[in-house]
Amino acid sequence: MTRRPLHLSGALFAVLALPPVARQLESSMAGHMAVQVPLLVLCGILAFGAVPESVRRRLAAWDRHGLVGLGLALSAMAYWMLPRWLDAALADPVVELAKFVTVPLLWGMPLAWAWSRLGLVGRGFVAAHLVALAWVLGWFYANAPARMCANYLLEEQQTLGSALLALGTAGALAGLLRVVVGAPRPAADGQPLRLDGTHVLGNH
């Protein structure tokens, strides 16, 4: 199996972990929640592409449909989307380290595994959930009268709200386009797919 996904994941992670890059992204609420955290999730998704086939088969033996992975990913997402943990990551180096470790490992990798095992209905449910979550959080942050994070101004919170609303709308439009154009079938061997239906990062 190619190590290219792992190299890409490691390179992206190394860039995100550079103190100047981390400080720049964390200097705004939108950069922290809507850029840094999703990129850490992407690190986990890319890293999963390098998981050996033997490990995937063992995973499939007890999580055939990816529901355990999905539950783990959604739990990690719910945890790190709470404003208090954004604040804590800025104030406590231990929490910051935990974010950099757990977001790829407990959110990105399980999400990649679950996505590779879910059928079209399951994938549609996950996509709809993420779009709805982006809209709900976006509306909340854009309209909340008080700051949710002590380290970010109200204006930054409103900017994050607008960004999440835009991301949710983009996701909804992309999903609608997939329905109109037609989506590829999930892979039978548990490998993540690109939009064109080929395996991600050339695992085969």
Protein backbone atom coordinates (compact mmCIF):
# COMPACT_ATOMS: atom_id res chain seq x y z
CA MET A 1 0.00 0.00 0.00
CA THR A 2 1.29 3.45 -0.89
CA ARG A 3 2.56 5.71 1.87
CA ARG A 4 1.63 8.85 -0.04
CA PRO A 5 -1.50 9.54 2.06
CA LEU A 6 0.55 9.30 5.25
CA HIS A 7 3.19 11.65 3.85
CA LEU A 8 0.54 14.18 2.83
CA SER A 9 -1.10 13.92 6.24
CA GLY A 10 2.22 14.34 8.04
CA ALA A 11 3.21 17.33 5.93
CA LEU A 12 -0.11 19.08 6.52
CA PHE A 13 0.02 18.30 10.24
CA ALA A 14 3.58 19.63 10.50
CA VAL A 15 2.57 22.90 8.84
CA LEU A 16 -0.47 23.30 11.10
CA ALA A 17 1.66 22.60 14.18
CA LEU A 18 4.19 25.33 13.35
CA PRO A 19 3.79 27.96 16.09
CA PRO A 20 3.44 30.92 13.66
CA VAL A 21 0.79 29.06 11.64
CA ALA A 22 -1.08 27.90 14.73
CA ARG A 23 -1.04 31.40 16.22
CA GLN A 24 -2.26 32.95 12.97
CA LEU A 25 -5.17 30.53 12.59
CA GLU A 26 -6.10 30.74 16.26
CA SER A 27 -5.98 34.54 16.25
CA SER A 28 -9.56 34.58 14.93
CA MET A 29 -12.53 32.43 15.86
CA ALA A 30 -13.27 31.68 12.20
CA GLY A 31 -9.68 30.63 11.57
CA HIS A 32 -9.70 28.42 14.65
CA MET A 33 -13.00 26.59 14.17
CA ALA A 34 -13.61 26.84 10.42
CA VAL A 35 -10.03 26.42 9.13
CA GLN A 36 -7.64 24.85 11.63
CA VAL A 37 -9.98 22.21 13.06
CA PRO A 38 -11.27 21.03 9.63
CA LEU A 39 -7.68 20.80 8.36
CA LEU A 40 -6.79 18.65 11.36
CA VAL A 41 -9.76 16.45 10.47
CA LEU A 42 -8.36 16.25 6.94
CA CYS A 43 -5.04 15.08 8.40
CA GLY A 44 -6.86 12.13 9.92
CA ILE A 45 -8.77 11.39 6.71
CA LEU A 46 -5.55 11.37 4.69
CA ALA A 47 -3.76 9.23 7.27
CA PHE A 48 -6.52 6.63 7.08
CA GLY A 49 -5.66 6.16 3.42
CA ALA A 50 -2.39 4.53 4.54
CA VAL A 51 -4.02 2.01 6.90
CA PRO A 52 -3.08 -1.51 5.69
CA GLU A 53 -5.75 -3.70 4.16
CA SER A 54 -5.25 -6.29 6.90
CA VAL A 55 -6.21 -3.71 9.52
CA ARG A 56 -9.25 -2.67 7.49
CA ARG A 57 -10.42 -6.27 7.36
CA ARG A 58 -10.14 -6.58 11.13
CA LEU A 59 -12.06 -3.34 11.55
CA ALA A 60 -14.76 -4.58 9.21
CA ALA A 61 -15.16 -7.73 11.30
CA TRP A 62 -16.62 -5.77 14.22
CA ASP A 63 -17.78 -2.55 12.55
CA ARG A 64 -19.06 -3.76 9.21
CA HIS A 65 -21.25 -0.74 8.49
CA GLY A 66 -19.00 1.89 10.04
CA LEU A 67 -21.50 2.89 12.73
CA VAL A 68 -18.98 2.66 15.56
CA GLY A 69 -16.57 4.86 13.64
CA LEU A 70 -19.35 7.30 12.85
CA GLY A 71 -20.37 7.50 16.50
CA LEU A 72 -16.79 8.14 17.56
CA ALA A 73 -16.32 10.84 14.92
CA LEU A 74 -19.57 12.61 15.83
CA SER A 75 -18.69 12.47 19.54
CA ALA A 76 -15.29 14.04 18.91
CA MET A 77 -16.91 16.66 16.68
CA ALA A 78 -19.48 17.56 19.34
CA TYR A 79 -16.70 17.91 21.91
CA TRP A 80 -14.40 20.15 19.91
CA MET A 81 -17.18 22.33 18.51
CA LEU A 82 -17.99 23.57 22.02
CA PRO A 83 -16.76 27.16 22.50
CA ARG A 84 -15.33 26.40 25.94
CA TRP A 85 -12.77 24.03 24.42
CA LEU A 86 -11.66 26.64 21.89
CA ASP A 87 -10.97 28.91 24.84
CA ALA A 88 -9.26 26.13 26.77
CA ALA A 89 -7.00 25.29 23.82
CA LEU A 90 -5.77 28.89 23.75
CA ALA A 91 -5.12 29.04 27.47
CA ASP A 92 -3.80 25.55 28.25
CA PRO A 93 -0.98 23.89 26.24
CA VAL A 94 -2.21 20.47 27.37
CA VAL A 95 -5.63 21.07 25.83
CA GLU A 96 -3.98 22.45 22.69
CA LEU A 97 -1.90 19.27 22.40
CA ALA A 98 -5.00 17.15 23.00
CA LYS A 99 -6.75 18.97 20.16
CA PHE A 100 -3.91 18.31 17.73
CA VAL A 101 -3.86 14.62 18.67
CA THR A 102 -7.53 13.74 19.09
CA VAL A 103 -9.06 15.66 16.18
CA PRO A 104 -7.15 13.64 13.53
CA LEU A 105 -7.25 10.34 15.44
CA LEU A 106 -10.76 10.39 16.91
CA TRP A 107 -12.57 12.53 14.34
CA GLY A 108 -10.80 12.38 10.99
CA MET A 109 -9.77 8.72 10.84
CA PRO A 110 -13.06 7.30 12.20
CA LEU A 111 -14.98 9.55 9.80
CA ALA A 112 -12.97 8.23 6.84
CA TRP A 113 -13.58 4.66 7.97
CA ALA A 114 -17.31 5.20 8.49
CA TRP A 115 -17.71 6.98 5.15
CA SER A 116 -16.04 4.07 3.34
CA ARG A 117 -18.50 1.59 4.88
CA LEU A 118 -21.77 3.52 4.77
CA GLY A 119 -24.24 3.09 1.94
CA LEU A 120 -25.77 5.95 0.00
CA VAL A 121 -28.52 6.46 2.58
CA GLY A 122 -26.02 6.56 5.43
CA ARG A 123 -23.78 8.97 3.58
CA GLY A 124 -26.75 11.16 2.79
CA PHE A 125 -27.71 11.19 6.47
CA VAL A 126 -24.20 12.21 7.53
CA ALA A 127 -23.98 14.91 4.86
CA ALA A 128 -27.40 16.30 5.79
CA HIS A 129 -26.43 16.28 9.47
CA LEU A 130 -23.25 18.25 8.79
CA VAL A 131 -25.07 20.79 6.64
CA ALA A 132 -27.78 21.25 9.26
CA LEU A 133 -25.17 21.58 12.00
CA ALA A 134 -23.31 24.25 10.04
CA TRP A 135 -26.54 26.20 9.54
CA VAL A 136 -27.63 25.92 13.17
CA LEU A 137 -24.24 26.88 14.57
CA GLY A 138 -23.84 29.59 11.95
CA TRP A 139 -27.18 31.16 12.83
CA PHE A 140 -26.41 30.88 16.54
CA TYR A 141 -22.98 32.51 16.32
CA ALA A 142 -24.17 35.19 13.93
CA ASN A 143 -27.08 36.21 16.17
CA ALA A 144 -25.91 35.51 19.72
CA PRO A 145 -26.01 38.75 21.74
CA ALA A 146 -23.03 37.81 23.91
CA ARG A 147 -19.61 36.29 23.36
CA MET A 148 -19.38 32.51 23.62
CA CYS A 149 -15.56 32.54 23.84
CA ALA A 150 -13.74 34.81 26.26
CA ASN A 151 -10.75 35.08 23.91
CA TYR A 152 -12.67 36.26 20.84
CA LEU A 153 -14.62 39.45 20.20
CA LEU A 154 -18.31 39.46 19.35
CA GLU A 155 -17.47 40.62 15.81
CA GLU A 156 -15.21 37.59 15.32
CA GLN A 157 -17.99 35.35 16.54
CA GLN A 158 -20.37 36.88 14.01
CA THR A 159 -17.78 36.38 11.26
CA LEU A 160 -17.58 32.71 12.19
CA GLY A 161 -21.36 32.52 12.04
CA SER A 162 -21.38 33.93 8.52
CA ALA A 163 -18.61 31.52 7.48
CA LEU A 164 -20.52 28.51 8.83
CA LEU A 165 -23.71 29.60 7.08
CA ALA A 166 -21.77 29.91 3.83
CA LEU A 167 -20.15 26.49 4.32
CA GLY A 168 -23.52 24.92 5.05
CA THR A 169 -25.03 26.46 1.94
CA ALA A 170 -22.09 25.32 -0.18
CA GLY A 171 -22.47 21.81 1.22
CA ALA A 172 -26.18 21.77 0.48
CA LEU A 173 -25.60 22.94 -3.10
CA ALA A 174 -22.87 20.33 -3.58
CA GLY A 175 -25.22 17.64 -2.29
CA LEU A 176 -27.98 18.80 -4.60
CA LEU A 177 -25.54 18.71 -7.52
CA ARG A 178 -24.55 15.15 -6.62
CA VAL A 179 -28.22 14.13 -6.65
CA VAL A 180 -28.79 15.77 -10.03
CA VAL A 181 -25.60 14.48 -11.65
CA GLY A 182 -25.58 11.11 -9.90
CA ALA A 183 -23.35 9.84 -7.10
CA PRO A 184 -20.93 6.90 -7.36
CA ARG A 185 -21.73 3.76 -5.42
CA PRO A 186 -19.81 3.17 -2.18
CA ALA A 187 -16.78 0.92 -2.60
CA ALA A 188 -17.40 -2.72 -1.82
CA ASP A 189 -13.95 -3.18 -0.28
CA GLY A 190 -14.21 -0.41 2.29
CA GLN A 191 -11.95 2.07 0.49
CA PRO A 192 -12.88 5.78 0.49
CA LEU A 193 -13.98 7.14 -2.87
CA ARG A 194 -13.36 10.37 -4.73
CA LEU A 195 -16.25 12.26 -6.24
CA ASP A 196 -15.55 10.50 -9.54
CA GLY A 197 -15.90 7.08 -7.92
CA THR A 198 -12.21 6.12 -7.99
CA HIS A 199 -10.35 5.20 -4.83
CA VAL A 200 -8.90 8.03 -2.78
CA LEU A 201 -5.19 8.68 -3.19
CA GLY A 202 -4.58 5.67 -5.37
CA ASN A 203 -4.79 2.99 -2.70
CA HIS A 204 -5.10 0.37 -5.44
